[in-house]
Amino acid sequence: MSACNTASGGKPGAQALSGLARAFFYAGARALLVFHWPVYSTAATKLITKAFEAMKAHPMDGRARALRRSMLALIDNTNSPQNAHPSVWAPFIVVGEGGGKLWKY
């Protein structure tokens, strides 16, 4: 399920996270991928697909690092250089349990 602006409150000065995002936490979700503003559908599909691939390939890294790997892959894709612009990848954030099971330095 996807909805834009899920990282923001419903009105100016409101607490962060939309009612939809809060509802998922109240229902037991441990982590959410939320957006700060409307996103480009094609880039969002690529970003989320790559994030799931990264989670599968690096299960100890956690959700936030998987999202980071996906963002870097999107930025570095020379076939779609417009995806390097922050307006494409920057709206996405992980809230909740985004960390890995084991920290690697």
C-alpha atoms as a PDB file:
ATOM      1  CA  MET A   1       0.000   0.000   0.000  1.00  0.00           C
ATOM      2  CA  SER A   2       1.287   3.458  -0.833  1.00  0.00           C
ATOM      3  CA  ALA A   3       0.196   6.979   0.029  1.00  0.00           C
ATOM      4  CA  CYS A   4       2.067  10.262  -0.362  1.00  0.00           C
ATOM      5  CA  ASN A   5       3.004  12.642   2.444  1.00  0.00           C
ATOM      6  CA  THR A   6       2.750   9.901   5.061  1.00  0.00           C
ATOM      7  CA  ALA A   7       5.708  11.381   6.984  1.00  0.00           C
ATOM      8  CA  SER A   8       3.932  14.666   7.622  1.00  0.00           C
ATOM      9  CA  GLY A   9       1.091  15.581   9.908  1.00  0.00           C
ATOM     10  CA  GLY A  10      -2.329  16.477   8.604  1.00  0.00           C
ATOM     11  CA  LYS A  11      -1.977  20.248   9.018  1.00  0.00           C
ATOM     12  CA  PRO A  12       0.690  22.878   9.761  1.00  0.00           C
ATOM     13  CA  GLY A  13       2.082  22.454  13.280  1.00  0.00           C
ATOM     14  CA  ALA A  14       0.741  18.898  13.609  1.00  0.00           C
ATOM     15  CA  GLN A  15       2.886  16.062  14.906  1.00  0.00           C
ATOM     16  CA  ALA A  16       4.850  14.069  12.354  1.00  0.00           C
ATOM     17  CA  LEU A  17       3.326  11.076  10.531  1.00  0.00           C
ATOM     18  CA  SER A  18      -0.063  11.005   8.881  1.00  0.00           C
ATOM     19  CA  GLY A  19      -3.073   9.301  10.402  1.00  0.00           C
ATOM     20  CA  LEU A  20      -2.508   6.397   8.006  1.00  0.00           C
ATOM     21  CA  ALA A  21       1.093   5.891   9.151  1.00  0.00           C
ATOM     22  CA  ARG A  22       0.086   6.123  12.823  1.00  0.00           C
ATOM     23  CA  ALA A  23      -2.677   3.592  12.252  1.00  0.00           C
ATOM     24  CA  PHE A  24      -0.113   1.081  10.994  1.00  0.00           C
ATOM     25  CA  PHE A  25       2.005   1.576  14.116  1.00  0.00           C
ATOM     26  CA  TYR A  26      -1.051   1.213  16.353  1.00  0.00           C
ATOM     27  CA  ALA A  27      -1.872  -2.000  14.479  1.00  0.00           C
ATOM     28  CA  GLY A  28       1.562  -3.417  15.294  1.00  0.00           C
ATOM     29  CA  ALA A  29       3.857  -2.419  12.426  1.00  0.00           C
ATOM     30  CA  ARG A  30       7.473  -2.207  13.579  1.00  0.00           C
ATOM     31  CA  ALA A  31       8.740  -0.039  10.725  1.00  0.00           C
ATOM     32  CA  LEU A  32       7.306   1.999   7.884  1.00  0.00           C
ATOM     33  CA  LEU A  33       8.661   3.517   4.716  1.00  0.00           C
ATOM     34  CA  VAL A  34       7.037   6.940   4.557  1.00  0.00           C
ATOM     35  CA  PHE A  35       7.324   9.931   2.211  1.00  0.00           C
ATOM     36  CA  HIS A  36       7.742  13.646   2.894  1.00  0.00           C
ATOM     37  CA  TRP A  37       6.107  14.762  -0.362  1.00  0.00           C
ATOM     38  CA  PRO A  38       4.491  13.254  -3.489  1.00  0.00           C
ATOM     39  CA  VAL A  39       6.882  10.886  -5.253  1.00  0.00           C
ATOM     40  CA  TYR A  40       7.574   9.848  -8.834  1.00  0.00           C
ATOM     41  CA  SER A  41       5.920   6.457  -9.366  1.00  0.00           C
ATOM     42  CA  THR A  42       8.625   5.002 -11.598  1.00  0.00           C
ATOM     43  CA  ALA A  43      11.428   5.997  -9.258  1.00  0.00           C
ATOM     44  CA  ALA A  44       9.450   4.816  -6.223  1.00  0.00           C
ATOM     45  CA  THR A  45       8.964   1.402  -7.802  1.00  0.00           C
ATOM     46  CA  LYS A  46      12.676   1.099  -8.562  1.00  0.00           C
ATOM     47  CA  LEU A  47      13.682   2.366  -5.126  1.00  0.00           C
ATOM     48  CA  ILE A  48      11.409   0.025  -3.184  1.00  0.00           C
ATOM     49  CA  THR A  49      12.242  -2.996  -5.364  1.00  0.00           C
ATOM     50  CA  LYS A  50      15.972  -2.394  -4.890  1.00  0.00           C
ATOM     51  CA  ALA A  51      15.473  -1.899  -1.137  1.00  0.00           C
ATOM     52  CA  PHE A  52      13.807  -5.312  -0.841  1.00  0.00           C
ATOM     53  CA  GLU A  53      16.594  -6.853  -2.914  1.00  0.00           C
ATOM     54  CA  ALA A  54      19.159  -5.237  -0.599  1.00  0.00           C
ATOM     55  CA  MET A  55      17.347  -6.555   2.489  1.00  0.00           C
ATOM     56  CA  LYS A  56      17.438 -10.052   1.011  1.00  0.00           C
ATOM     57  CA  ALA A  57      21.106  -9.808  -0.003  1.00  0.00           C
ATOM     58  CA  HIS A  58      22.223  -8.196   3.290  1.00  0.00           C
ATOM     59  CA  PRO A  59      19.751  -9.364   5.980  1.00  0.00           C
ATOM     60  CA  MET A  60      21.893  -8.156   8.891  1.00  0.00           C
ATOM     61  CA  ASP A  61      22.008  -4.559   7.645  1.00  0.00           C
ATOM     62  CA  GLY A  62      18.424  -3.582   8.434  1.00  0.00           C
ATOM     63  CA  ARG A  63      15.785  -1.602   6.620  1.00  0.00           C
ATOM     64  CA  ALA A  64      17.387   1.845   6.759  1.00  0.00           C
ATOM     65  CA  ARG A  65      20.664   0.636   5.286  1.00  0.00           C
ATOM     66  CA  ALA A  66      18.776  -1.287   2.596  1.00  0.00           C
ATOM     67  CA  LEU A  67      16.956   1.930   1.684  1.00  0.00           C
ATOM     68  CA  ARG A  68      20.284   3.758   1.581  1.00  0.00           C
ATOM     69  CA  ARG A  69      21.760   1.122  -0.751  1.00  0.00           C
ATOM     70  CA  SER A  70      18.714   1.475  -2.973  1.00  0.00           C
ATOM     71  CA  MET A  71      18.994   5.277  -3.023  1.00  0.00           C
ATOM     72  CA  LEU A  72      22.659   5.108  -3.990  1.00  0.00           C
ATOM     73  CA  ALA A  73      21.878   2.644  -6.790  1.00  0.00           C
ATOM     74  CA  LEU A  74      19.166   4.995  -8.080  1.00  0.00           C
ATOM     75  CA  ILE A  75      21.535   7.982  -7.936  1.00  0.00           C
ATOM     76  CA  ASP A  76      24.342   6.080  -9.689  1.00  0.00           C
ATOM     77  CA  ASN A  77      22.133   4.755 -12.519  1.00  0.00           C
ATOM     78  CA  THR A  78      23.575   6.415 -15.621  1.00  0.00           C
ATOM     79  CA  ASN A  79      20.635   5.221 -17.743  1.00  0.00           C
ATOM     80  CA  SER A  80      18.339   7.581 -15.807  1.00  0.00           C
ATOM     81  CA  PRO A  81      20.500  10.513 -14.672  1.00  0.00           C
ATOM     82  CA  GLN A  82      17.428  12.515 -13.624  1.00  0.00           C
ATOM     83  CA  ASN A  83      17.029  10.078 -10.718  1.00  0.00           C
ATOM     84  CA  ALA A  84      20.135  11.578  -9.102  1.00  0.00           C
ATOM     85  CA  HIS A  85      18.129  14.693  -8.228  1.00  0.00           C
ATOM     86  CA  PRO A  86      17.135  14.731  -4.531  1.00  0.00           C
ATOM     87  CA  SER A  87      13.486  15.383  -5.386  1.00  0.00           C
ATOM     88  CA  VAL A  88      13.366  11.793  -6.673  1.00  0.00           C
ATOM     89  CA  TRP A  89      14.939   9.876  -3.768  1.00  0.00           C
ATOM     90  CA  ALA A  90      14.959  12.228  -0.763  1.00  0.00           C
ATOM     91  CA  PRO A  91      11.279  12.024   0.243  1.00  0.00           C
ATOM     92  CA  PHE A  92      11.670   8.417   1.452  1.00  0.00           C
ATOM     93  CA  ILE A  93      12.492   7.646   5.091  1.00  0.00           C
ATOM     94  CA  VAL A  94      12.260   4.624   7.354  1.00  0.00           C
ATOM     95  CA  VAL A  95      10.613   5.225  10.736  1.00  0.00           C
ATOM     96  CA  GLY A  96      10.465   2.700  13.517  1.00  0.00           C
ATOM     97  CA  GLU A  97      12.850  -0.231  13.685  1.00  0.00           C
ATOM     98  CA  GLY A  98      15.059   0.564  10.741  1.00  0.00           C
ATOM     99  CA  GLY A  99      18.342  -0.644  12.221  1.00  0.00           C
ATOM    100  CA  GLY A 100      20.067  -3.908  11.558  1.00  0.00           C
ATOM    101  CA  LYS A 101      20.401  -6.872  13.866  1.00  0.00           C
ATOM    102  CA  LEU A 102      24.144  -6.396  14.016  1.00  0.00           C
ATOM    103  CA  TRP A 103      26.015  -3.119  13.586  1.00  0.00           C
ATOM    104  CA  LYS A 104      28.989  -3.295  11.244  1.00  0.00           C
ATOM    105  CA  TYR A 105      31.662  -0.608  11.213  1.00  0.00           C
END
